[in-house]
Amino acid sequence: RFSLSDPNGEDDVSTFGFVSENKNV
């Protein structure tokens, strides 16, 4: 579970994602 935060406000968050070394994920 991930909880995002931004000092400038939640509206300032644009992208959340991941990059995996294993392409099967």
mmCIF file of all heavy atoms, coordinates in Angstrom:
data_MODEL
# 
_entry.id   MODEL 
# 
loop_
_atom_site.group_PDB 
_atom_site.id 
_atom_site.type_symbol 
_atom_site.label_atom_id 
_atom_site.label_alt_id 
_atom_site.label_comp_id 
_atom_site.label_asym_id 
_atom_site.label_entity_id 
_atom_site.label_seq_id 
_atom_site.pdbx_PDB_ins_code 
_atom_site.Cartn_x 
_atom_site.Cartn_y 
_atom_site.Cartn_z 
_atom_site.occupancy 
_atom_site.B_iso_or_equiv 
_atom_site.pdbx_formal_charge 
_atom_site.auth_seq_id 
_atom_site.auth_comp_id 
_atom_site.auth_asym_id 
_atom_site.auth_atom_id 
_atom_site.pdbx_PDB_model_num 
ATOM 1   N N   . ARG A 1 1  ? 0.847  -1.199  0.000   1.00 0.00 ? 1  ARG A N   1 
ATOM 2   C CA  . ARG A 1 1  ? 0.000  0.000   0.000   1.00 0.00 ? 1  ARG A CA  1 
ATOM 3   C C   . ARG A 1 1  ? 0.879  1.244   0.000   1.00 0.00 ? 1  ARG A C   1 
ATOM 4   O O   . ARG A 1 1  ? 1.854  1.319   0.757   1.00 0.00 ? 1  ARG A O   1 
ATOM 5   C CB  . ARG A 1 1  ? -0.942 -0.013  1.207   1.00 0.00 ? 1  ARG A CB  1 
ATOM 6   C CG  . ARG A 1 1  ? -1.912 -1.173  1.194   1.00 0.00 ? 1  ARG A CG  1 
ATOM 7   C CD  . ARG A 1 1  ? -2.897 -1.097  2.355   1.00 0.00 ? 1  ARG A CD  1 
ATOM 8   N NE  . ARG A 1 1  ? -2.233 -1.191  3.649   1.00 0.00 ? 1  ARG A NE  1 
ATOM 9   C CZ  . ARG A 1 1  ? -1.923 -2.337  4.240   1.00 0.00 ? 1  ARG A CZ  1 
ATOM 10  N NH1 . ARG A 1 1  ? -2.199 -3.489  3.630   1.00 0.00 ? 1  ARG A NH1 1 
ATOM 11  N NH2 . ARG A 1 1  ? -1.339 -2.343  5.415   1.00 0.00 ? 1  ARG A NH2 1 
ATOM 12  N N   . PHE A 1 2  ? 0.494  2.200   -0.817  1.00 0.00 ? 2  PHE A N   1 
ATOM 13  C CA  . PHE A 1 2  ? 1.266  3.432   -0.981  1.00 0.00 ? 2  PHE A CA  1 
ATOM 14  C C   . PHE A 1 2  ? 0.391  4.629   -0.625  1.00 0.00 ? 2  PHE A C   1 
ATOM 15  O O   . PHE A 1 2  ? -0.782 4.693   -1.028  1.00 0.00 ? 2  PHE A O   1 
ATOM 16  C CB  . PHE A 1 2  ? 1.766  3.585   -2.426  1.00 0.00 ? 2  PHE A CB  1 
ATOM 17  C CG  . PHE A 1 2  ? 2.646  2.450   -2.883  1.00 0.00 ? 2  PHE A CG  1 
ATOM 18  C CD1 . PHE A 1 2  ? 2.099  1.314   -3.464  1.00 0.00 ? 2  PHE A CD1 1 
ATOM 19  C CD2 . PHE A 1 2  ? 4.011  2.510   -2.724  1.00 0.00 ? 2  PHE A CD2 1 
ATOM 20  C CE1 . PHE A 1 2  ? 2.891  0.274   -3.877  1.00 0.00 ? 2  PHE A CE1 1 
ATOM 21  C CE2 . PHE A 1 2  ? 4.823  1.467   -3.141  1.00 0.00 ? 2  PHE A CE2 1 
ATOM 22  C CZ  . PHE A 1 2  ? 4.264  0.346   -3.725  1.00 0.00 ? 2  PHE A CZ  1 
ATOM 23  N N   . SER A 1 3  ? 0.973  5.549   0.129   1.00 0.00 ? 3  SER A N   1 
ATOM 24  C CA  . SER A 1 3  ? 0.304  6.801   0.470   1.00 0.00 ? 3  SER A CA  1 
ATOM 25  C C   . SER A 1 3  ? 1.166  7.950   -0.042  1.00 0.00 ? 3  SER A C   1 
ATOM 26  O O   . SER A 1 3  ? 2.326  8.110   0.380   1.00 0.00 ? 3  SER A O   1 
ATOM 27  C CB  . SER A 1 3  ? 0.105  6.903   1.986   1.00 0.00 ? 3  SER A CB  1 
ATOM 28  O OG  . SER A 1 3  ? -0.504 8.123   2.327   1.00 0.00 ? 3  SER A OG  1 
ATOM 29  N N   . LEU A 1 4  ? 0.629  8.734   -0.960  1.00 0.00 ? 4  LEU A N   1 
ATOM 30  C CA  . LEU A 1 4  ? 1.384  9.823   -1.591  1.00 0.00 ? 4  LEU A CA  1 
ATOM 31  C C   . LEU A 1 4  ? 1.124  11.136  -0.862  1.00 0.00 ? 4  LEU A C   1 
ATOM 32  O O   . LEU A 1 4  ? 0.039  11.358  -0.300  1.00 0.00 ? 4  LEU A O   1 
ATOM 33  C CB  . LEU A 1 4  ? 0.981  9.962   -3.057  1.00 0.00 ? 4  LEU A CB  1 
ATOM 34  C CG  . LEU A 1 4  ? 0.911  8.670   -3.890  1.00 0.00 ? 4  LEU A CG  1 
ATOM 35  C CD1 . LEU A 1 4  ? 0.590  9.000   -5.343  1.00 0.00 ? 4  LEU A CD1 1 
ATOM 36  C CD2 . LEU A 1 4  ? 2.194  7.886   -3.782  1.00 0.00 ? 4  LEU A CD2 1 
ATOM 37  N N   . SER A 1 5  ? 2.117  12.001  -0.892  1.00 0.00 ? 5  SER A N   1 
ATOM 38  C CA  . SER A 1 5  ? 1.976  13.320  -0.300  1.00 0.00 ? 5  SER A CA  1 
ATOM 39  C C   . SER A 1 5  ? 2.830  14.314  -1.085  1.00 0.00 ? 5  SER A C   1 
ATOM 40  O O   . SER A 1 5  ? 3.838  13.938  -1.703  1.00 0.00 ? 5  SER A O   1 
ATOM 41  C CB  . SER A 1 5  ? 2.394  13.315  1.173   1.00 0.00 ? 5  SER A CB  1 
ATOM 42  O OG  . SER A 1 5  ? 3.757  12.949  1.313   1.00 0.00 ? 5  SER A OG  1 
ATOM 43  N N   . ASP A 1 6  ? 2.395  15.583  -1.029  1.00 0.00 ? 6  ASP A N   1 
ATOM 44  C CA  . ASP A 1 6  ? 3.136  16.645  -1.715  1.00 0.00 ? 6  ASP A CA  1 
ATOM 45  C C   . ASP A 1 6  ? 3.049  17.905  -0.864  1.00 0.00 ? 6  ASP A C   1 
ATOM 46  O O   . ASP A 1 6  ? 1.945  18.307  -0.448  1.00 0.00 ? 6  ASP A O   1 
ATOM 47  C CB  . ASP A 1 6  ? 2.544  16.907  -3.107  1.00 0.00 ? 6  ASP A CB  1 
ATOM 48  C CG  . ASP A 1 6  ? 3.452  17.774  -3.962  1.00 0.00 ? 6  ASP A CG  1 
ATOM 49  O OD1 . ASP A 1 6  ? 3.764  18.897  -3.530  1.00 0.00 ? 6  ASP A OD1 1 
ATOM 50  O OD2 . ASP A 1 6  ? 3.859  17.315  -5.043  1.00 0.00 ? 6  ASP A OD2 1 
ATOM 51  N N   . PRO A 1 7  ? 4.186  18.518  -0.562  1.00 0.00 ? 7  PRO A N   1 
ATOM 52  C CA  . PRO A 1 7  ? 4.146  19.748  0.244   1.00 0.00 ? 7  PRO A CA  1 
ATOM 53  C C   . PRO A 1 7  ? 3.314  20.861  -0.381  1.00 0.00 ? 7  PRO A C   1 
ATOM 54  O O   . PRO A 1 7  ? 2.815  21.735  0.333   1.00 0.00 ? 7  PRO A O   1 
ATOM 55  C CB  . PRO A 1 7  ? 5.616  20.145  0.343   1.00 0.00 ? 7  PRO A CB  1 
ATOM 56  C CG  . PRO A 1 7  ? 6.379  18.895  0.078   1.00 0.00 ? 7  PRO A CG  1 
ATOM 57  C CD  . PRO A 1 7  ? 5.549  18.119  -0.888  1.00 0.00 ? 7  PRO A CD  1 
ATOM 58  N N   . ASN A 1 8  ? 3.181  20.824  -1.686  1.00 0.00 ? 8  ASN A N   1 
ATOM 59  C CA  . ASN A 1 8  ? 2.417  21.858  -2.370  1.00 0.00 ? 8  ASN A CA  1 
ATOM 60  C C   . ASN A 1 8  ? 0.948  21.491  -2.552  1.00 0.00 ? 8  ASN A C   1 
ATOM 61  O O   . ASN A 1 8  ? 0.221  22.203  -3.230  1.00 0.00 ? 8  ASN A O   1 
ATOM 62  C CB  . ASN A 1 8  ? 3.041  22.138  -3.748  1.00 0.00 ? 8  ASN A CB  1 
ATOM 63  C CG  . ASN A 1 8  ? 4.513  22.479  -3.634  1.00 0.00 ? 8  ASN A CG  1 
ATOM 64  O OD1 . ASN A 1 8  ? 5.366  21.665  -3.954  1.00 0.00 ? 8  ASN A OD1 1 
ATOM 65  N ND2 . ASN A 1 8  ? 4.812  23.671  -3.136  1.00 0.00 ? 8  ASN A ND2 1 
ATOM 66  N N   . GLY A 1 9  ? 0.552  20.373  -1.982  1.00 0.00 ? 9  GLY A N   1 
ATOM 67  C CA  . GLY A 1 9  ? -0.830 19.959  -2.099  1.00 0.00 ? 9  GLY A CA  1 
ATOM 68  C C   . GLY A 1 9  ? -0.971 18.690  -2.919  1.00 0.00 ? 9  GLY A C   1 
ATOM 69  O O   . GLY A 1 9  ? -0.132 18.375  -3.774  1.00 0.00 ? 9  GLY A O   1 
ATOM 70  N N   . GLU A 1 10 ? -2.040 17.963  -2.643  1.00 0.00 ? 10 GLU A N   1 
ATOM 71  C CA  . GLU A 1 10 ? -2.265 16.696  -3.339  1.00 0.00 ? 10 GLU A CA  1 
ATOM 72  C C   . GLU A 1 10 ? -2.487 16.897  -4.833  1.00 0.00 ? 10 GLU A C   1 
ATOM 73  O O   . GLU A 1 10 ? -2.168 16.013  -5.634  1.00 0.00 ? 10 GLU A O   1 
ATOM 74  C CB  . GLU A 1 10 ? -3.471 15.987  -2.730  1.00 0.00 ? 10 GLU A CB  1 
ATOM 75  C CG  . GLU A 1 10 ? -3.283 15.601  -1.274  1.00 0.00 ? 10 GLU A CG  1 
ATOM 76  C CD  . GLU A 1 10 ? -4.505 14.939  -0.690  1.00 0.00 ? 10 GLU A CD  1 
ATOM 77  O OE1 . GLU A 1 10 ? -5.531 14.885  -1.407  1.00 0.00 ? 10 GLU A OE1 1 
ATOM 78  O OE2 . GLU A 1 10 ? -4.450 14.470  0.454   1.00 0.00 ? 10 GLU A OE2 1 
ATOM 79  N N   . ASP A 1 11 ? -3.021 18.065  -5.223  1.00 0.00 ? 11 ASP A N   1 
ATOM 80  C CA  . ASP A 1 11 ? -3.288 18.298  -6.647  1.00 0.00 ? 11 ASP A CA  1 
ATOM 81  C C   . ASP A 1 11 ? -2.015 18.408  -7.452  1.00 0.00 ? 11 ASP A C   1 
ATOM 82  O O   . ASP A 1 11 ? -2.053 18.315  -8.692  1.00 0.00 ? 11 ASP A O   1 
ATOM 83  C CB  . ASP A 1 11 ? -4.121 19.570  -6.821  1.00 0.00 ? 11 ASP A CB  1 
ATOM 84  C CG  . ASP A 1 11 ? -5.491 19.433  -6.184  1.00 0.00 ? 11 ASP A CG  1 
ATOM 85  O OD1 . ASP A 1 11 ? -5.916 18.277  -6.000  1.00 0.00 ? 11 ASP A OD1 1 
ATOM 86  O OD2 . ASP A 1 11 ? -6.104 20.460  -5.859  1.00 0.00 ? 11 ASP A OD2 1 
ATOM 87  N N   . ASP A 1 12 ? -0.889 18.616  -6.767  1.00 0.00 ? 12 ASP A N   1 
ATOM 88  C CA  . ASP A 1 12 ? 0.369  18.779  -7.489  1.00 0.00 ? 12 ASP A CA  1 
ATOM 89  C C   . ASP A 1 12 ? 0.959  17.432  -7.923  1.00 0.00 ? 12 ASP A C   1 
ATOM 90  O O   . ASP A 1 12 ? 1.876  17.393  -8.735  1.00 0.00 ? 12 ASP A O   1 
ATOM 91  C CB  . ASP A 1 12 ? 1.368  19.535  -6.613  1.00 0.00 ? 12 ASP A CB  1 
ATOM 92  C CG  . ASP A 1 12 ? 2.530  20.088  -7.422  1.00 0.00 ? 12 ASP A CG  1 
ATOM 93  O OD1 . ASP A 1 12 ? 2.303  20.598  -8.533  1.00 0.00 ? 12 ASP A OD1 1 
ATOM 94  O OD2 . ASP A 1 12 ? 3.685  19.985  -6.950  1.00 0.00 ? 12 ASP A OD2 1 
ATOM 95  N N   . VAL A 1 13 ? 0.449  16.333  -7.386  1.00 0.00 ? 13 VAL A N   1 
ATOM 96  C CA  . VAL A 1 13 ? 0.943  15.007  -7.784  1.00 0.00 ? 13 VAL A CA  1 
ATOM 97  C C   . VAL A 1 13 ? 0.371  14.665  -9.155  1.00 0.00 ? 13 VAL A C   1 
ATOM 98  O O   . VAL A 1 13 ? -0.841 14.724  -9.371  1.00 0.00 ? 13 VAL A O   1 
ATOM 99  C CB  . VAL A 1 13 ? 0.531  13.941  -6.754  1.00 0.00 ? 13 VAL A CB  1 
ATOM 100 C CG1 . VAL A 1 13 ? 0.995  12.559  -7.215  1.00 0.00 ? 13 VAL A CG1 1 
ATOM 101 C CG2 . VAL A 1 13 ? 1.127  14.261  -5.388  1.00 0.00 ? 13 VAL A CG2 1 
ATOM 102 N N   . SER A 1 14 ? 1.260  14.329  -10.070 1.00 0.00 ? 14 SER A N   1 
ATOM 103 C CA  . SER A 1 14 ? 0.807  14.042  -11.437 1.00 0.00 ? 14 SER A CA  1 
ATOM 104 C C   . SER A 1 14 ? 0.929  12.573  -11.811 1.00 0.00 ? 14 SER A C   1 
ATOM 105 O O   . SER A 1 14 ? 0.066  12.028  -12.496 1.00 0.00 ? 14 SER A O   1 
ATOM 106 C CB  . SER A 1 14 ? 1.603  14.879  -12.445 1.00 0.00 ? 14 SER A CB  1 
ATOM 107 O OG  . SER A 1 14 ? 2.987  14.522  -12.387 1.00 0.00 ? 14 SER A OG  1 
ATOM 108 N N   . THR A 1 15 ? 1.982  11.883  -11.369 1.00 0.00 ? 15 THR A N   1 
ATOM 109 C CA  . THR A 1 15 ? 2.235  10.510  -11.827 1.00 0.00 ? 15 THR A CA  1 
ATOM 110 C C   . THR A 1 15 ? 2.783  9.672   -10.686 1.00 0.00 ? 15 THR A C   1 
ATOM 111 O O   . THR A 1 15 ? 3.619  10.137  -9.906  1.00 0.00 ? 15 THR A O   1 
ATOM 112 C CB  . THR A 1 15 ? 3.247  10.487  -12.982 1.00 0.00 ? 15 THR A CB  1 
ATOM 113 O OG1 . THR A 1 15 ? 2.807  11.357  -14.015 1.00 0.00 ? 15 THR A OG1 1 
ATOM 114 C CG2 . THR A 1 15 ? 3.405  9.077   -13.535 1.00 0.00 ? 15 THR A CG2 1 
ATOM 115 N N   . PHE A 1 16 ? 2.297  8.444   -10.643 1.00 0.00 ? 16 PHE A N   1 
ATOM 116 C CA  . PHE A 1 16 ? 2.870  7.445   -9.743  1.00 0.00 ? 16 PHE A CA  1 
ATOM 117 C C   . PHE A 1 16 ? 2.925  6.126   -10.503 1.00 0.00 ? 16 PHE A C   1 
ATOM 118 O O   . PHE A 1 16 ? 1.935  5.688   -11.104 1.00 0.00 ? 16 PHE A O   1 
ATOM 119 C CB  . PHE A 1 16 ? 2.030  7.280   -8.472  1.00 0.00 ? 16 PHE A CB  1 
ATOM 120 C CG  . PHE A 1 16 ? 2.605  6.272   -7.512  1.00 0.00 ? 16 PHE A CG  1 
ATOM 121 C CD1 . PHE A 1 16 ? 3.753  6.556   -6.800  1.00 0.00 ? 16 PHE A CD1 1 
ATOM 122 C CD2 . PHE A 1 16 ? 2.009  5.034   -7.331  1.00 0.00 ? 16 PHE A CD2 1 
ATOM 123 C CE1 . PHE A 1 16 ? 4.293  5.628   -5.909  1.00 0.00 ? 16 PHE A CE1 1 
ATOM 124 C CE2 . PHE A 1 16 ? 2.532  4.100   -6.455  1.00 0.00 ? 16 PHE A CE2 1 
ATOM 125 C CZ  . PHE A 1 16 ? 3.687  4.405   -5.740  1.00 0.00 ? 16 PHE A CZ  1 
ATOM 126 N N   . GLY A 1 17 ? 4.093  5.486   -10.518 1.00 0.00 ? 17 GLY A N   1 
ATOM 127 C CA  . GLY A 1 17 ? 4.254  4.238   -11.261 1.00 0.00 ? 17 GLY A CA  1 
ATOM 128 C C   . GLY A 1 17 ? 5.466  3.469   -10.785 1.00 0.00 ? 17 GLY A C   1 
ATOM 129 O O   . GLY A 1 17 ? 6.048  3.753   -9.732  1.00 0.00 ? 17 GLY A O   1 
ATOM 130 N N   . PHE A 1 18 ? 5.868  2.471   -11.565 1.00 0.00 ? 18 PHE A N   1 
ATOM 131 C CA  . PHE A 1 18 ? 7.027  1.659   -11.195 1.00 0.00 ? 18 PHE A CA  1 
ATOM 132 C C   . PHE A 1 18 ? 7.718  1.161   -12.456 1.00 0.00 ? 18 PHE A C   1 
ATOM 133 O O   . PHE A 1 18 ? 7.119  1.096   -13.545 1.00 0.00 ? 18 PHE A O   1 
ATOM 134 C CB  . PHE A 1 18 ? 6.623  0.474   -10.317 1.00 0.00 ? 18 PHE A CB  1 
ATOM 135 C CG  . PHE A 1 18 ? 5.827  -0.591  -11.022 1.00 0.00 ? 18 PHE A CG  1 
ATOM 136 C CD1 . PHE A 1 18 ? 6.452  -1.668  -11.651 1.00 0.00 ? 18 PHE A CD1 1 
ATOM 137 C CD2 . PHE A 1 18 ? 4.434  -0.530  -11.055 1.00 0.00 ? 18 PHE A CD2 1 
ATOM 138 C CE1 . PHE A 1 18 ? 5.713  -2.640  -12.303 1.00 0.00 ? 18 PHE A CE1 1 
ATOM 139 C CE2 . PHE A 1 18 ? 3.695  -1.504  -11.700 1.00 0.00 ? 18 PHE A CE2 1 
ATOM 140 C CZ  . PHE A 1 18 ? 4.336  -2.564  -12.321 1.00 0.00 ? 18 PHE A CZ  1 
ATOM 141 N N   . VAL A 1 19 ? 8.995  0.819   -12.278 1.00 0.00 ? 19 VAL A N   1 
ATOM 142 C CA  . VAL A 1 19 ? 9.821  0.228   -13.342 1.00 0.00 ? 19 VAL A CA  1 
ATOM 143 C C   . VAL A 1 19 ? 10.423 -1.049  -12.768 1.00 0.00 ? 19 VAL A C   1 
ATOM 144 O O   . VAL A 1 19 ? 11.087 -1.009  -11.728 1.00 0.00 ? 19 VAL A O   1 
ATOM 145 C CB  . VAL A 1 19 ? 10.922 1.191   -13.807 1.00 0.00 ? 19 VAL A CB  1 
ATOM 146 C CG1 . VAL A 1 19 ? 11.797 0.509   -14.852 1.00 0.00 ? 19 VAL A CG1 1 
ATOM 147 C CG2 . VAL A 1 19 ? 10.321 2.470   -14.357 1.00 0.00 ? 19 VAL A CG2 1 
ATOM 148 N N   . SER A 1 20 ? 10.188 -2.167  -13.453 1.00 0.00 ? 20 SER A N   1 
ATOM 149 C CA  . SER A 1 20 ? 10.656 -3.453  -12.964 1.00 0.00 ? 20 SER A CA  1 
ATOM 150 C C   . SER A 1 20 ? 11.771 -4.002  -13.847 1.00 0.00 ? 20 SER A C   1 
ATOM 151 O O   . SER A 1 20 ? 11.733 -3.865  -15.080 1.00 0.00 ? 20 SER A O   1 
ATOM 152 C CB  . SER A 1 20 ? 9.492  -4.459  -12.922 1.00 0.00 ? 20 SER A CB  1 
ATOM 153 O OG  . SER A 1 20 ? 9.954  -5.753  -12.583 1.00 0.00 ? 20 SER A OG  1 
ATOM 154 N N   . GLU A 1 21 ? 12.765 -4.609  -13.210 1.00 0.00 ? 21 GLU A N   1 
ATOM 155 C CA  . GLU A 1 21 ? 13.823 -5.282  -13.959 1.00 0.00 ? 21 GLU A CA  1 
ATOM 156 C C   . GLU A 1 21 ? 13.286 -6.545  -14.634 1.00 0.00 ? 21 GLU A C   1 
ATOM 157 O O   . GLU A 1 21 ? 13.839 -6.961  -15.657 1.00 0.00 ? 21 GLU A O   1 
ATOM 158 C CB  . GLU A 1 21 ? 14.971 -5.656  -13.023 1.00 0.00 ? 21 GLU A CB  1 
ATOM 159 C CG  . GLU A 1 21 ? 15.718 -4.464  -12.456 1.00 0.00 ? 21 GLU A CG  1 
ATOM 160 C CD  . GLU A 1 21 ? 16.833 -4.878  -11.517 1.00 0.00 ? 21 GLU A CD  1 
ATOM 161 O OE1 . GLU A 1 21 ? 16.890 -6.072  -11.141 1.00 0.00 ? 21 GLU A OE1 1 
ATOM 162 O OE2 . GLU A 1 21 ? 17.657 -4.020  -11.160 1.00 0.00 ? 21 GLU A OE2 1 
ATOM 163 N N   . ASN A 1 22 ? 12.270 -7.124  -14.080 1.00 0.00 ? 22 ASN A N   1 
ATOM 164 C CA  . ASN A 1 22 ? 11.655 -8.315  -14.663 1.00 0.00 ? 22 ASN A CA  1 
ATOM 165 C C   . ASN A 1 22 ? 10.427 -7.882  -15.457 1.00 0.00 ? 22 ASN A C   1 
ATOM 166 O O   . ASN A 1 22 ? 9.485  -7.306  -14.898 1.00 0.00 ? 22 ASN A O   1 
ATOM 167 C CB  . ASN A 1 22 ? 11.262 -9.307  -13.558 1.00 0.00 ? 22 ASN A CB  1 
ATOM 168 C CG  . ASN A 1 22 ? 10.875 -10.662 -14.112 1.00 0.00 ? 22 ASN A CG  1 
ATOM 169 O OD1 . ASN A 1 22 ? 9.922  -10.777 -14.872 1.00 0.00 ? 22 ASN A OD1 1 
ATOM 170 N ND2 . ASN A 1 22 ? 11.616 -11.702 -13.733 1.00 0.00 ? 22 ASN A ND2 1 
ATOM 171 N N   . LYS A 1 23 ? 10.434 -8.173  -16.729 1.00 0.00 ? 23 LYS A N   1 
ATOM 172 C CA  . LYS A 1 23 ? 9.347  -7.719  -17.611 1.00 0.00 ? 23 LYS A CA  1 
ATOM 173 C C   . LYS A 1 23 ? 8.059  -8.523  -17.432 1.00 0.00 ? 23 LYS A C   1 
ATOM 174 O O   . LYS A 1 23 ? 7.034  -8.155  -18.013 1.00 0.00 ? 23 LYS A O   1 
ATOM 175 C CB  . LYS A 1 23 ? 9.805  -7.795  -19.075 1.00 0.00 ? 23 LYS A CB  1 
ATOM 176 C CG  . LYS A 1 23 ? 11.068 -6.990  -19.369 1.00 0.00 ? 23 LYS A CG  1 
ATOM 177 C CD  . LYS A 1 23 ? 10.914 -5.525  -18.939 1.00 0.00 ? 23 LYS A CD  1 
ATOM 178 C CE  . LYS A 1 23 ? 12.184 -4.737  -19.203 1.00 0.00 ? 23 LYS A CE  1 
ATOM 179 N NZ  . LYS A 1 23 ? 12.057 -3.320  -18.739 1.00 0.00 ? 23 LYS A NZ  1 
ATOM 180 N N   . ASN A 1 24 ? 8.106  -9.596  -16.647 1.00 0.00 ? 24 ASN A N   1 
ATOM 181 C CA  . ASN A 1 24 ? 6.902  -10.399 -16.441 1.00 0.00 ? 24 ASN A CA  1 
ATOM 182 C C   . ASN A 1 24 ? 5.985  -9.841  -15.362 1.00 0.00 ? 24 ASN A C   1 
ATOM 183 O O   . ASN A 1 24 ? 4.925  -10.398 -15.103 1.00 0.00 ? 24 ASN A O   1 
ATOM 184 C CB  . ASN A 1 24 ? 7.285  -11.839 -16.079 1.00 0.00 ? 24 ASN A CB  1 
ATOM 185 C CG  . ASN A 1 24 ? 7.948  -12.562 -17.242 1.00 0.00 ? 24 ASN A CG  1 
ATOM 186 O OD1 . ASN A 1 24 ? 7.587  -12.339 -18.399 1.00 0.00 ? 24 ASN A OD1 1 
ATOM 187 N ND2 . ASN A 1 24 ? 8.917  -13.412 -16.945 1.00 0.00 ? 24 ASN A ND2 1 
ATOM 188 N N   . VAL A 1 25 ? 6.420  -8.757  -14.719 1.00 0.00 ? 25 VAL A N   1 
ATOM 189 C CA  . VAL A 1 25 ? 5.562  -8.114  -13.727 1.00 0.00 ? 25 VAL A CA  1 
ATOM 190 C C   . VAL A 1 25 ? 4.586  -7.204  -14.475 1.00 0.00 ? 25 VAL A C   1 
ATOM 191 O O   . VAL A 1 25 ? 5.003  -6.257  -15.138 1.00 0.00 ? 25 VAL A O   1 
ATOM 192 C CB  . VAL A 1 25 ? 6.381  -7.307  -12.710 1.00 0.00 ? 25 VAL A CB  1 
ATOM 193 C CG1 . VAL A 1 25 ? 5.458  -6.646  -11.690 1.00 0.00 ? 25 VAL A CG1 1 
ATOM 194 C CG2 . VAL A 1 25 ? 7.391  -8.206  -12.015 1.00 0.00 ? 25 VAL A CG2 1 
# 
